[in-house]
Amino acid sequence: METEKDILATPAGELPACPVETTLTLISDKWKVLILRDLMPGTKRFGELKKSIGHVSQKVLTTQLRQMEKSGLVIRTVFPEVPPHVEYTLTDLGYSLKPILDAMWKWGENYKALNGQ
Protein backbone atom coordinates (compact mmCIF):
# COMPACT_ATOMS: atom_id res chain seq x y z
CA MET A 1 0.00 0.00 0.00
CA GLU A 2 1.23 3.46 -0.88
CA THR A 3 1.94 5.93 1.89
CA GLU A 4 0.57 9.46 1.92
CA LYS A 5 4.04 10.76 1.09
CA ASP A 6 4.16 8.52 -2.00
CA ILE A 7 0.73 9.69 -3.16
CA LEU A 8 1.48 13.40 -2.67
CA ALA A 9 4.67 13.02 -4.68
CA THR A 10 2.84 11.53 -7.70
CA PRO A 11 1.42 13.52 -10.60
CA ALA A 12 -2.32 14.24 -10.43
CA GLY A 13 -2.98 11.62 -13.12
CA GLU A 14 -1.58 8.95 -10.79
CA LEU A 15 -3.72 9.75 -7.74
CA PRO A 16 -6.19 7.11 -6.57
CA ALA A 17 -9.06 6.53 -9.00
CA CYS A 18 -11.62 7.05 -6.24
CA PRO A 19 -12.20 10.76 -5.44
CA VAL A 20 -13.06 9.90 -1.82
CA GLU A 21 -9.72 8.13 -1.44
CA THR A 22 -7.93 11.15 -2.94
CA THR A 23 -9.64 13.48 -0.44
CA LEU A 24 -8.82 11.17 2.46
CA THR A 25 -5.23 10.94 1.28
CA LEU A 26 -4.90 14.72 1.52
CA ILE A 27 -6.69 15.32 4.85
CA SER A 28 -6.92 11.94 6.58
CA ASP A 29 -4.56 12.73 9.42
CA LYS A 30 -6.24 13.95 12.62
CA TRP A 31 -3.92 16.94 12.82
CA LYS A 32 -4.57 18.05 9.23
CA VAL A 33 -8.30 18.30 9.86
CA LEU A 34 -7.64 20.34 13.00
CA ILE A 35 -5.20 22.58 11.11
CA LEU A 36 -7.87 23.17 8.46
CA ARG A 37 -10.43 23.93 11.17
CA ASP A 38 -8.14 26.43 12.88
CA LEU A 39 -7.09 28.18 9.66
CA MET A 40 -10.66 28.60 8.31
CA PRO A 41 -11.11 31.94 10.17
CA GLY A 42 -7.82 33.26 8.76
CA THR A 43 -4.03 33.37 8.92
CA LYS A 44 -2.21 32.12 12.02
CA ARG A 45 1.37 32.02 13.20
CA PHE A 46 2.95 28.66 13.98
CA GLY A 47 2.73 29.20 17.75
CA GLU A 48 -0.94 30.18 17.53
CA LEU A 49 -1.70 27.01 15.57
CA LYS A 50 0.19 24.82 18.03
CA LYS A 51 -1.65 26.37 20.95
CA SER A 52 -5.11 26.15 19.33
CA ILE A 53 -4.66 22.53 18.25
CA GLY A 54 -3.46 21.33 21.61
CA HIS A 55 -1.47 18.16 22.17
CA VAL A 56 0.46 18.09 18.89
CA SER A 57 4.26 18.14 18.99
CA GLN A 58 6.20 20.81 17.15
CA LYS A 59 7.77 18.17 14.90
CA VAL A 60 4.44 16.61 13.93
CA LEU A 61 2.80 19.99 13.32
CA THR A 62 5.72 21.08 11.13
CA THR A 63 5.53 17.85 9.12
CA GLN A 64 1.77 18.15 8.64
CA LEU A 65 2.01 21.79 7.57
CA ARG A 66 4.77 20.99 5.06
CA GLN A 67 2.69 18.17 3.56
CA MET A 68 -0.32 20.48 3.33
CA GLU A 69 1.83 23.15 1.68
CA LYS A 70 3.15 20.60 -0.83
CA SER A 71 -0.38 19.46 -1.68
CA GLY A 72 -1.51 23.06 -2.23
CA LEU A 73 -3.81 23.43 0.80
CA VAL A 74 -1.68 25.90 2.79
CA ILE A 75 0.58 28.84 2.00
CA ARG A 76 3.59 29.38 4.28
CA THR A 77 4.87 32.95 4.49
CA VAL A 78 8.21 33.64 6.15
CA PHE A 79 9.00 37.17 7.27
CA PRO A 80 12.72 38.03 7.44
CA GLU A 81 12.80 39.01 11.11
CA VAL A 82 14.59 37.91 14.24
CA PRO A 83 13.13 35.81 15.73
CA PRO A 84 11.62 34.22 12.59
CA HIS A 85 8.00 35.07 11.92
CA VAL A 86 6.10 32.42 9.92
CA GLU A 87 2.41 32.55 9.04
CA TYR A 88 0.12 29.94 7.54
CA THR A 89 -2.92 30.66 5.41
CA LEU A 90 -5.29 28.38 3.56
CA THR A 91 -5.21 28.55 -0.21
CA ASP A 92 -8.43 28.71 -2.21
CA LEU A 93 -8.11 24.93 -2.52
CA GLY A 94 -7.82 24.68 1.27
CA TYR A 95 -10.88 26.90 1.76
CA SER A 96 -12.81 24.71 -0.69
CA LEU A 97 -12.79 22.00 2.03
CA LYS A 98 -15.08 24.14 4.24
CA PRO A 99 -18.31 22.32 3.24
CA ILE A 100 -16.68 19.01 4.15
CA LEU A 101 -15.60 20.33 7.57
CA ASP A 102 -19.06 21.86 8.11
CA ALA A 103 -20.66 18.48 7.35
CA MET A 104 -18.26 16.76 9.77
CA TRP A 105 -19.14 19.35 12.45
CA LYS A 106 -22.88 18.80 11.95
CA TRP A 107 -22.51 15.02 11.96
CA GLY A 108 -20.45 15.18 15.16
CA GLU A 109 -23.05 17.38 16.85
CA ASN A 110 -25.84 14.97 15.87
CA TYR A 111 -23.85 11.97 17.06
CA LYS A 112 -23.17 13.57 20.43
CA ALA A 113 -26.84 14.55 20.80
CA LEU A 114 -27.97 10.99 20.05
CA ASN A 115 -25.56 9.64 22.64
CA GLY A 116 -26.52 12.08 25.38
CA GLN A 117 -23.33 14.10 25.41
C-alpha atoms as a PDB file:
ATOM      1  CA  MET A   1       0.000   0.000   0.000  1.00  0.00           C
ATOM      2  CA  GLU A   2       1.233   3.463  -0.880  1.00  0.00           C
ATOM      3  CA  THR A   3       1.939   5.928   1.892  1.00  0.00           C
ATOM      4  CA  GLU A   4       0.567   9.463   1.920  1.00  0.00           C
ATOM      5  CA  LYS A   5       4.040  10.763   1.088  1.00  0.00           C
ATOM      6  CA  ASP A   6       4.155   8.524  -1.999  1.00  0.00           C
ATOM      7  CA  ILE A   7       0.729   9.688  -3.159  1.00  0.00           C
ATOM      8  CA  LEU A   8       1.481  13.396  -2.666  1.00  0.00           C
ATOM      9  CA  ALA A   9       4.674  13.022  -4.685  1.00  0.00           C
ATOM     10  CA  THR A  10       2.843  11.525  -7.696  1.00  0.00           C
ATOM     11  CA  PRO A  11       1.423  13.523 -10.598  1.00  0.00           C
ATOM     12  CA  ALA A  12      -2.320  14.243 -10.433  1.00  0.00           C
ATOM     13  CA  GLY A  13      -2.980  11.619 -13.122  1.00  0.00           C
ATOM     14  CA  GLU A  14      -1.580   8.953 -10.794  1.00  0.00           C
ATOM     15  CA  LEU A  15      -3.717   9.750  -7.742  1.00  0.00           C
ATOM     16  CA  PRO A  16      -6.193   7.106  -6.568  1.00  0.00           C
ATOM     17  CA  ALA A  17      -9.059   6.531  -9.001  1.00  0.00           C
ATOM     18  CA  CYS A  18     -11.625   7.049  -6.245  1.00  0.00           C
ATOM     19  CA  PRO A  19     -12.201  10.758  -5.438  1.00  0.00           C
ATOM     20  CA  VAL A  20     -13.063   9.902  -1.824  1.00  0.00           C
ATOM     21  CA  GLU A  21      -9.724   8.129  -1.442  1.00  0.00           C
ATOM     22  CA  THR A  22      -7.934  11.148  -2.943  1.00  0.00           C
ATOM     23  CA  THR A  23      -9.640  13.477  -0.437  1.00  0.00           C
ATOM     24  CA  LEU A  24      -8.821  11.172   2.457  1.00  0.00           C
ATOM     25  CA  THR A  25      -5.225  10.944   1.281  1.00  0.00           C
ATOM     26  CA  LEU A  26      -4.895  14.722   1.517  1.00  0.00           C
ATOM     27  CA  ILE A  27      -6.692  15.320   4.850  1.00  0.00           C
ATOM     28  CA  SER A  28      -6.922  11.941   6.580  1.00  0.00           C
ATOM     29  CA  ASP A  29      -4.557  12.732   9.424  1.00  0.00           C
ATOM     30  CA  LYS A  30      -6.241  13.945  12.615  1.00  0.00           C
ATOM     31  CA  TRP A  31      -3.924  16.937  12.823  1.00  0.00           C
ATOM     32  CA  LYS A  32      -4.575  18.046   9.235  1.00  0.00           C
ATOM     33  CA  VAL A  33      -8.299  18.295   9.859  1.00  0.00           C
ATOM     34  CA  LEU A  34      -7.645  20.341  12.997  1.00  0.00           C
ATOM     35  CA  ILE A  35      -5.197  22.576  11.108  1.00  0.00           C
ATOM     36  CA  LEU A  36      -7.870  23.170   8.456  1.00  0.00           C
ATOM     37  CA  ARG A  37     -10.428  23.934  11.171  1.00  0.00           C
ATOM     38  CA  ASP A  38      -8.141  26.425  12.875  1.00  0.00           C
ATOM     39  CA  LEU A  39      -7.095  28.177   9.661  1.00  0.00           C
ATOM     40  CA  MET A  40     -10.656  28.596   8.310  1.00  0.00           C
ATOM     41  CA  PRO A  41     -11.110  31.936  10.166  1.00  0.00           C
ATOM     42  CA  GLY A  42      -7.821  33.257   8.760  1.00  0.00           C
ATOM     43  CA  THR A  43      -4.029  33.369   8.923  1.00  0.00           C
ATOM     44  CA  LYS A  44      -2.206  32.122  12.022  1.00  0.00           C
ATOM     45  CA  ARG A  45       1.368  32.017  13.199  1.00  0.00           C
ATOM     46  CA  PHE A  46       2.953  28.660  13.983  1.00  0.00           C
ATOM     47  CA  GLY A  47       2.729  29.205  17.751  1.00  0.00           C
ATOM     48  CA  GLU A  48      -0.941  30.178  17.526  1.00  0.00           C
ATOM     49  CA  LEU A  49      -1.702  27.013  15.569  1.00  0.00           C
ATOM     50  CA  LYS A  50       0.194  24.822  18.028  1.00  0.00           C
ATOM     51  CA  LYS A  51      -1.655  26.374  20.945  1.00  0.00           C
ATOM     52  CA  SER A  52      -5.106  26.153  19.328  1.00  0.00           C
ATOM     53  CA  ILE A  53      -4.658  22.531  18.245  1.00  0.00           C
ATOM     54  CA  GLY A  54      -3.459  21.331  21.615  1.00  0.00           C
ATOM     55  CA  HIS A  55      -1.467  18.160  22.173  1.00  0.00           C
ATOM     56  CA  VAL A  56       0.463  18.095  18.886  1.00  0.00           C
ATOM     57  CA  SER A  57       4.257  18.143  18.993  1.00  0.00           C
ATOM     58  CA  GLN A  58       6.196  20.814  17.155  1.00  0.00           C
ATOM     59  CA  LYS A  59       7.767  18.169  14.896  1.00  0.00           C
ATOM     60  CA  VAL A  60       4.436  16.609  13.926  1.00  0.00           C
ATOM     61  CA  LEU A  61       2.804  19.991  13.322  1.00  0.00           C
ATOM     62  CA  THR A  62       5.724  21.081  11.133  1.00  0.00           C
ATOM     63  CA  THR A  63       5.526  17.846   9.119  1.00  0.00           C
ATOM     64  CA  GLN A  64       1.772  18.147   8.636  1.00  0.00           C
ATOM     65  CA  LEU A  65       2.008  21.793   7.571  1.00  0.00           C
ATOM     66  CA  ARG A  66       4.769  20.994   5.060  1.00  0.00           C
ATOM     67  CA  GLN A  67       2.691  18.175   3.563  1.00  0.00           C
ATOM     68  CA  MET A  68      -0.320  20.479   3.326  1.00  0.00           C
ATOM     69  CA  GLU A  69       1.831  23.146   1.680  1.00  0.00           C
ATOM     70  CA  LYS A  70       3.145  20.599  -0.830  1.00  0.00           C
ATOM     71  CA  SER A  71      -0.384  19.463  -1.675  1.00  0.00           C
ATOM     72  CA  GLY A  72      -1.513  23.055  -2.230  1.00  0.00           C
ATOM     73  CA  LEU A  73      -3.808  23.429   0.798  1.00  0.00           C
ATOM     74  CA  VAL A  74      -1.682  25.902   2.785  1.00  0.00           C
ATOM     75  CA  ILE A  75       0.576  28.843   2.005  1.00  0.00           C
ATOM     76  CA  ARG A  76       3.589  29.380   4.281  1.00  0.00           C
ATOM     77  CA  THR A  77       4.866  32.946   4.493  1.00  0.00           C
ATOM     78  CA  VAL A  78       8.215  33.637   6.149  1.00  0.00           C
ATOM     79  CA  PHE A  79       8.997  37.171   7.268  1.00  0.00           C
ATOM     80  CA  PRO A  80      12.716  38.031   7.445  1.00  0.00           C
ATOM     81  CA  GLU A  81      12.797  39.006  11.108  1.00  0.00           C
ATOM     82  CA  VAL A  82      14.594  37.914  14.242  1.00  0.00           C
ATOM     83  CA  PRO A  83      13.128  35.810  15.726  1.00  0.00           C
ATOM     84  CA  PRO A  84      11.624  34.221  12.586  1.00  0.00           C
ATOM     85  CA  HIS A  85       7.998  35.069  11.921  1.00  0.00           C
ATOM     86  CA  VAL A  86       6.101  32.422   9.921  1.00  0.00           C
ATOM     87  CA  GLU A  87       2.415  32.554   9.044  1.00  0.00           C
ATOM     88  CA  TYR A  88       0.120  29.943   7.540  1.00  0.00           C
ATOM     89  CA  THR A  89      -2.923  30.662   5.415  1.00  0.00           C
ATOM     90  CA  LEU A  90      -5.294  28.375   3.561  1.00  0.00           C
ATOM     91  CA  THR A  91      -5.206  28.545  -0.213  1.00  0.00           C
ATOM     92  CA  ASP A  92      -8.433  28.714  -2.215  1.00  0.00           C
ATOM     93  CA  LEU A  93      -8.111  24.931  -2.521  1.00  0.00           C
ATOM     94  CA  GLY A  94      -7.825  24.675   1.269  1.00  0.00           C
ATOM     95  CA  TYR A  95     -10.884  26.896   1.756  1.00  0.00           C
ATOM     96  CA  SER A  96     -12.810  24.706  -0.687  1.00  0.00           C
ATOM     97  CA  LEU A  97     -12.793  22.003   2.027  1.00  0.00           C
ATOM     98  CA  LYS A  98     -15.081  24.142   4.236  1.00  0.00           C
ATOM     99  CA  PRO A  99     -18.311  22.322   3.240  1.00  0.00           C
ATOM    100  CA  ILE A 100     -16.682  19.010   4.154  1.00  0.00           C
ATOM    101  CA  LEU A 101     -15.599  20.329   7.572  1.00  0.00           C
ATOM    102  CA  ASP A 102     -19.058  21.861   8.109  1.00  0.00           C
ATOM    103  CA  ALA A 103     -20.657  18.483   7.347  1.00  0.00           C
ATOM    104  CA  MET A 104     -18.262  16.763   9.770  1.00  0.00           C
ATOM    105  CA  TRP A 105     -19.135  19.350  12.453  1.00  0.00           C
ATOM    106  CA  LYS A 106     -22.875  18.799  11.946  1.00  0.00           C
ATOM    107  CA  TRP A 107     -22.509  15.025  11.965  1.00  0.00           C
ATOM    108  CA  GLY A 108     -20.445  15.177  15.164  1.00  0.00           C
ATOM    109  CA  GLU A 109     -23.054  17.385  16.854  1.00  0.00           C
ATOM    110  CA  ASN A 110     -25.838  14.973  15.867  1.00  0.00           C
ATOM    111  CA  TYR A 111     -23.846  11.967  17.059  1.00  0.00           C
ATOM    112  CA  LYS A 112     -23.166  13.575  20.425  1.00  0.00           C
ATOM    113  CA  ALA A 113     -26.841  14.552  20.799  1.00  0.00           C
ATOM    114  CA  LEU A 114     -27.967  10.988  20.046  1.00  0.00           C
ATOM    115  CA  ASN A 115     -25.560   9.640  22.638  1.00  0.00           C
ATOM    116  CA  GLY A 116     -26.521  12.080  25.384  1.00  0.00           C
ATOM    117  CA  GLN A 117     -23.329  14.101  25.406  1.00  0.00           C
END
